[in-house]
N, C-alpha and C. Protein backbone atom coordinates (compact mmCIF):
# COMPACT_ATOMS: atom_id res chain seq x y z
N MET A 1 -51.38 31.46 -7.37
CA MET A 1 -52.57 31.17 -6.38
C MET A 1 -53.78 31.25 -6.61
N ALA A 2 -54.87 30.54 -5.57
CA ALA A 2 -56.20 30.95 -6.34
C ALA A 2 -56.83 32.45 -5.89
N ASN A 3 -57.91 33.76 -6.34
CA ASN A 3 -58.24 34.36 -5.23
C ASN A 3 -59.64 34.20 -4.74
N ILE A 4 -60.30 33.18 -5.56
CA ILE A 4 -61.11 32.44 -4.84
C ILE A 4 -61.18 31.72 -3.19
N LYS A 5 -62.56 32.32 -2.05
CA LYS A 5 -61.61 31.85 -0.67
C LYS A 5 -62.47 29.89 -1.28
N SER A 6 -63.11 29.61 -2.28
CA SER A 6 -64.11 28.40 -1.96
C SER A 6 -62.63 27.66 -3.16
N ALA A 7 -61.49 28.19 -3.69
CA ALA A 7 -60.89 27.86 -4.56
C ALA A 7 -59.73 28.23 -3.53
N LYS A 8 -58.97 28.79 -2.38
CA LYS A 8 -58.34 28.85 -2.28
C LYS A 8 -58.11 27.38 -0.44
N LYS A 9 -58.99 27.39 -0.05
CA LYS A 9 -59.82 26.32 0.18
C LYS A 9 -59.79 24.76 0.34
N ARG A 10 -60.10 24.20 -1.96
CA ARG A 10 -60.03 23.36 -2.58
C ARG A 10 -58.43 23.11 -2.61
N VAL A 11 -56.92 24.67 -1.95
CA VAL A 11 -55.46 23.87 -2.86
C VAL A 11 -55.34 23.53 -1.73
N LEU A 12 -55.90 24.21 0.10
CA LEU A 12 -55.68 23.55 1.02
C LEU A 12 -55.59 22.11 1.31
N THR A 13 -56.85 21.83 0.83
CA THR A 13 -57.75 20.36 1.23
C THR A 13 -57.32 19.76 0.32
N SER A 14 -56.54 19.77 -0.55
CA SER A 14 -56.09 18.65 -1.59
C SER A 14 -55.05 18.42 -1.08
N GLU A 15 -53.94 19.58 -0.63
CA GLU A 15 -52.36 19.48 -0.06
C GLU A 15 -52.94 18.39 1.28
N LYS A 16 -53.85 18.47 1.90
CA LYS A 16 -53.91 17.64 3.04
C LYS A 16 -54.34 15.72 2.07
N ARG A 17 -55.05 16.04 1.47
CA ARG A 17 -55.55 14.90 0.95
C ARG A 17 -54.15 14.45 -0.12
N ARG A 18 -53.70 15.08 -0.84
CA ARG A 18 -52.45 14.74 -1.40
C ARG A 18 -51.00 14.21 0.42
N LEU A 19 -50.56 14.90 1.13
CA LEU A 19 -49.96 14.39 1.92
C LEU A 19 -50.61 13.06 2.35
N ARG A 20 -52.08 12.52 2.72
CA ARG A 20 -52.39 11.70 3.17
C ARG A 20 -52.01 10.03 1.97
N ASN A 21 -52.68 10.57 1.19
CA ASN A 21 -52.54 9.57 -0.14
C ASN A 21 -51.50 8.95 -0.01
N ARG A 22 -50.25 10.28 -0.10
CA ARG A 22 -48.92 9.54 -0.41
C ARG A 22 -48.38 9.16 1.08
N SER A 23 -48.99 9.32 1.88
CA SER A 23 -48.40 8.15 3.62
C SER A 23 -48.93 5.91 3.18
N VAL A 24 -50.13 6.83 2.93
CA VAL A 24 -51.11 5.68 3.03
C VAL A 24 -50.36 4.79 1.37
N LYS A 25 -49.67 4.97 0.70
CA LYS A 25 -49.37 4.71 -0.78
C LYS A 25 -47.24 3.56 0.20
N THR A 26 -47.26 4.86 0.85
CA THR A 26 -45.64 4.47 0.88
C THR A 26 -45.97 3.21 2.06
N ASN A 27 -46.81 3.35 2.73
CA ASN A 27 -47.29 2.05 4.06
C ASN A 27 -47.99 1.13 3.12
N LEU A 28 -48.16 0.75 1.80
CA LEU A 28 -48.54 -0.08 1.13
C LEU A 28 -47.19 -1.00 0.35
N LYS A 29 -46.01 0.05 0.32
CA LYS A 29 -45.08 -0.07 -0.38
C LYS A 29 -44.45 -1.01 0.34
N THR A 30 -44.48 -0.83 1.68
CA THR A 30 -43.67 -1.10 2.52
C THR A 30 -44.36 -2.64 3.50
N ASN A 31 -45.04 -3.21 3.51
CA ASN A 31 -46.51 -3.83 3.52
C ASN A 31 -45.25 -4.65 2.36
N GLN A 32 -45.17 -4.36 1.71
CA GLN A 32 -45.21 -4.92 0.24
C GLN A 32 -44.04 -5.90 0.85
N LYS A 33 -43.02 -5.13 0.93
CA LYS A 33 -41.79 -5.63 1.03
C LYS A 33 -41.55 -6.77 1.81
N TYR A 34 -41.76 -6.36 3.32
CA TYR A 34 -42.43 -7.12 4.22
C TYR A 34 -42.80 -7.90 4.33
N PHE A 35 -42.99 -8.48 2.93
CA PHE A 35 -43.85 -10.18 2.10
C PHE A 35 -42.69 -11.31 1.16
N LEU A 36 -42.69 -10.01 0.97
CA LEU A 36 -41.28 -10.46 0.25
C LEU A 36 -39.77 -10.51 0.57
N ALA A 37 -39.77 -10.27 1.93
CA ALA A 37 -38.67 -10.25 2.80
C ALA A 37 -39.31 -11.41 2.99
N ALA A 38 -39.79 -11.92 3.86
CA ALA A 38 -40.22 -13.17 4.55
C ALA A 38 -40.24 -14.13 3.55
N LEU A 39 -40.82 -13.88 2.16
CA LEU A 39 -40.82 -15.13 1.43
C LEU A 39 -39.50 -15.07 0.75
N ALA A 40 -38.28 -14.42 0.66
CA ALA A 40 -37.96 -14.41 0.70
C ALA A 40 -36.25 -15.75 1.42
N GLU A 41 -36.81 -15.11 3.07
CA GLU A 41 -36.21 -16.01 4.03
C GLU A 41 -36.93 -17.33 4.03
N GLY A 42 -37.90 -17.98 3.65
CA GLY A 42 -38.65 -18.90 3.60
C GLY A 42 -39.32 -19.20 4.90
N ASP A 43 -39.91 -18.64 5.31
CA ASP A 43 -40.28 -18.68 6.53
C ASP A 43 -42.12 -19.10 5.83
N GLU A 44 -42.67 -19.85 5.45
CA GLU A 44 -44.05 -19.96 5.49
C GLU A 44 -45.14 -18.91 6.19
N GLN A 45 -44.97 -19.38 7.31
CA GLN A 45 -45.56 -18.59 8.47
C GLN A 45 -45.22 -17.18 8.36
N LYS A 46 -44.52 -17.18 8.00
CA LYS A 46 -44.17 -15.18 9.11
C LYS A 46 -44.99 -14.56 7.81
N ALA A 47 -44.24 -15.42 6.55
CA ALA A 47 -44.87 -14.79 4.91
C ALA A 47 -46.73 -14.55 5.06
N PHE A 48 -47.19 -15.83 4.99
CA PHE A 48 -48.08 -15.61 4.86
C PHE A 48 -49.28 -14.82 5.82
N ASP A 49 -48.67 -13.90 7.10
CA ASP A 49 -49.21 -13.41 8.18
C ASP A 49 -48.47 -11.79 7.20
N ALA A 50 -47.90 -12.01 7.11
CA ALA A 50 -47.54 -11.02 5.66
C ALA A 50 -48.21 -10.25 5.05
N MET A 51 -48.64 -11.86 4.05
CA MET A 51 -49.55 -11.13 2.77
C MET A 51 -50.77 -10.91 3.37
N ARG A 52 -51.32 -11.79 4.61
CA ARG A 52 -52.83 -10.63 5.05
C ARG A 52 -52.64 -9.16 5.13
N GLN A 53 -51.72 -9.28 5.84
CA GLN A 53 -51.34 -8.01 6.85
C GLN A 53 -51.63 -7.34 5.08
N THR A 54 -50.77 -7.91 4.25
CA THR A 54 -51.14 -6.51 3.01
C THR A 54 -52.10 -6.34 2.77
N ALA A 55 -53.10 -7.38 2.33
CA ALA A 55 -54.52 -8.12 1.74
C ALA A 55 -55.37 -6.58 2.46
N LYS A 56 -55.38 -6.90 3.45
CA LYS A 56 -55.70 -5.97 4.47
C LYS A 56 -55.26 -4.58 4.37
N LYS A 57 -53.70 -4.15 4.14
CA LYS A 57 -54.02 -3.41 3.80
C LYS A 57 -54.03 -1.87 2.61
N PHE A 58 -54.18 -3.25 1.63
CA PHE A 58 -54.56 -2.76 0.07
C PHE A 58 -56.85 -2.60 0.25
N ASP A 59 -57.22 -4.05 0.87
CA ASP A 59 -58.38 -3.47 0.61
C ASP A 59 -58.52 -1.77 1.39
N LYS A 60 -58.27 -1.57 2.28
CA LYS A 60 -58.76 -0.20 3.12
C LYS A 60 -58.27 0.97 2.06
N ALA A 61 -57.13 0.49 1.57
CA ALA A 61 -56.72 1.49 0.88
C ALA A 61 -57.74 2.01 -0.52
N ALA A 62 -58.33 0.53 -1.51
CA ALA A 62 -58.99 0.57 -2.50
C ALA A 62 -60.13 0.72 -2.29
N ALA A 63 -61.08 1.10 -0.44
CA ALA A 63 -62.84 0.89 0.02
C ALA A 63 -62.32 2.76 -0.23
N LYS A 64 -61.32 3.82 0.36
CA LYS A 64 -61.08 4.90 0.82
C LYS A 64 -60.40 5.62 -0.34
N GLY A 65 -60.65 4.46 -2.01
CA GLY A 65 -59.93 5.12 -2.75
C GLY A 65 -58.51 5.95 -3.22
N ILE A 66 -57.93 5.48 -2.58
CA ILE A 66 -56.45 5.52 -2.05
C ILE A 66 -55.44 4.96 -3.70
N ILE A 67 -55.68 4.60 -3.82
CA ILE A 67 -55.81 3.19 -5.58
C ILE A 67 -56.72 2.39 -5.51
N HIS A 68 -57.45 2.30 -6.52
CA HIS A 68 -58.27 1.68 -7.17
C HIS A 68 -58.74 1.02 -6.98
N LYS A 69 -59.83 -0.16 -6.75
CA LYS A 69 -60.09 -1.06 -6.61
C LYS A 69 -59.95 -2.37 -7.76
N ASN A 70 -59.68 -2.55 -8.54
CA ASN A 70 -58.27 -3.57 -9.36
C ASN A 70 -57.36 -3.83 -8.73
N THR A 71 -57.06 -2.84 -9.54
CA THR A 71 -55.85 -2.60 -8.56
C THR A 71 -54.65 -3.23 -7.57
N ALA A 72 -55.74 -3.06 -6.24
CA ALA A 72 -55.75 -3.77 -4.77
C ALA A 72 -55.68 -5.28 -5.41
N ASN A 73 -57.37 -5.29 -6.21
CA ASN A 73 -56.86 -7.39 -6.21
C ASN A 73 -56.13 -7.31 -7.03
N ARG A 74 -55.86 -7.59 -7.88
CA ARG A 74 -54.41 -7.58 -9.12
C ARG A 74 -53.35 -8.28 -7.86
N ARG A 75 -52.82 -6.73 -7.14
CA ARG A 75 -51.36 -6.94 -6.11
C ARG A 75 -51.74 -7.79 -5.06
N LYS A 76 -53.28 -8.63 -4.78
CA LYS A 76 -53.62 -9.28 -3.67
C LYS A 76 -53.08 -10.81 -3.94
N SER A 77 -53.59 -10.86 -5.98
CA SER A 77 -53.68 -11.79 -6.21
C SER A 77 -52.13 -12.50 -6.56
N LYS A 78 -51.31 -11.14 -7.23
CA LYS A 78 -49.99 -11.68 -7.33
C LYS A 78 -49.26 -11.95 -5.82
N ASN A 79 -49.74 -11.52 -4.86
CA ASN A 79 -48.76 -12.56 -3.71
C ASN A 79 -49.75 -13.62 -3.37
N ALA A 80 -50.59 -13.52 -3.71
CA ALA A 80 -51.08 -15.23 -3.91
C ALA A 80 -50.86 -16.27 -4.28
N LYS A 81 -50.36 -16.16 -5.61
CA LYS A 81 -49.52 -16.14 -6.38
C LYS A 81 -48.21 -16.51 -5.73
N LYS A 82 -47.77 -16.18 -5.83
CA LYS A 82 -46.11 -16.13 -4.99
C LYS A 82 -46.18 -16.66 -4.14
N LEU A 83 -47.04 -17.01 -3.26
CA LEU A 83 -46.40 -17.60 -1.25
C LEU A 83 -47.23 -19.00 -2.37
N HIS A 84 -47.77 -19.16 -2.89
CA HIS A 84 -48.20 -20.44 -3.27
C HIS A 84 -47.43 -21.38 -4.06
N ALA A 85 -46.25 -20.92 -4.99
CA ALA A 85 -45.60 -21.37 -5.49
C ALA A 85 -43.83 -21.20 -4.92
N ALA A 86 -44.03 -20.40 -4.17
CA ALA A 86 -43.17 -20.71 -2.90
C ALA A 86 -43.60 -21.84 -1.68
N SER A 87 -44.76 -21.94 -2.03
CA SER A 87 -44.66 -23.32 -0.98
C SER A 87 -45.06 -25.07 -1.38
N GLN A 88 -45.60 -24.61 -3.38
CA GLN A 88 -45.15 -26.00 -3.38
C GLN A 88 -43.60 -26.11 -3.77
N GLN A 89 -42.66 -25.44 -3.45
CA GLN A 89 -41.33 -25.15 -3.66
C GLN A 89 -40.81 -26.27 -2.34
N ASN A 90 -41.34 -25.39 -1.81
CA ASN A 90 -41.05 -26.70 -0.20
C ASN A 90 -41.27 -27.17 0.09
N VAL A 91 -42.69 -28.11 0.10
CA VAL A 91 -42.92 -29.56 -0.17
C VAL A 91 -42.59 -30.89 -0.96
N GLU A 92 -41.98 -30.33 -2.45
CA GLU A 92 -40.95 -31.07 -3.25
C GLU A 92 -40.21 -30.89 -2.96
């Protein structure tokens, strides 16, 4: 454990931030699962809504620095491609 007062404070604040970041990341994974489940059901509208919600969460996490901006964009793009591919299968 740290001896200096400011170092002790950093330990406490770092732990708070770690727990908050972990909560946000867990929420991101849960939203991703909702999107994939809606996609698997074949419900295009539900999947679209879930994708929009997931994209919003990714953007917010990237803005706060919890995940990198490029990571958020890559995951949003991947979700959009999956939704597009699923909608193309339903059209044919």
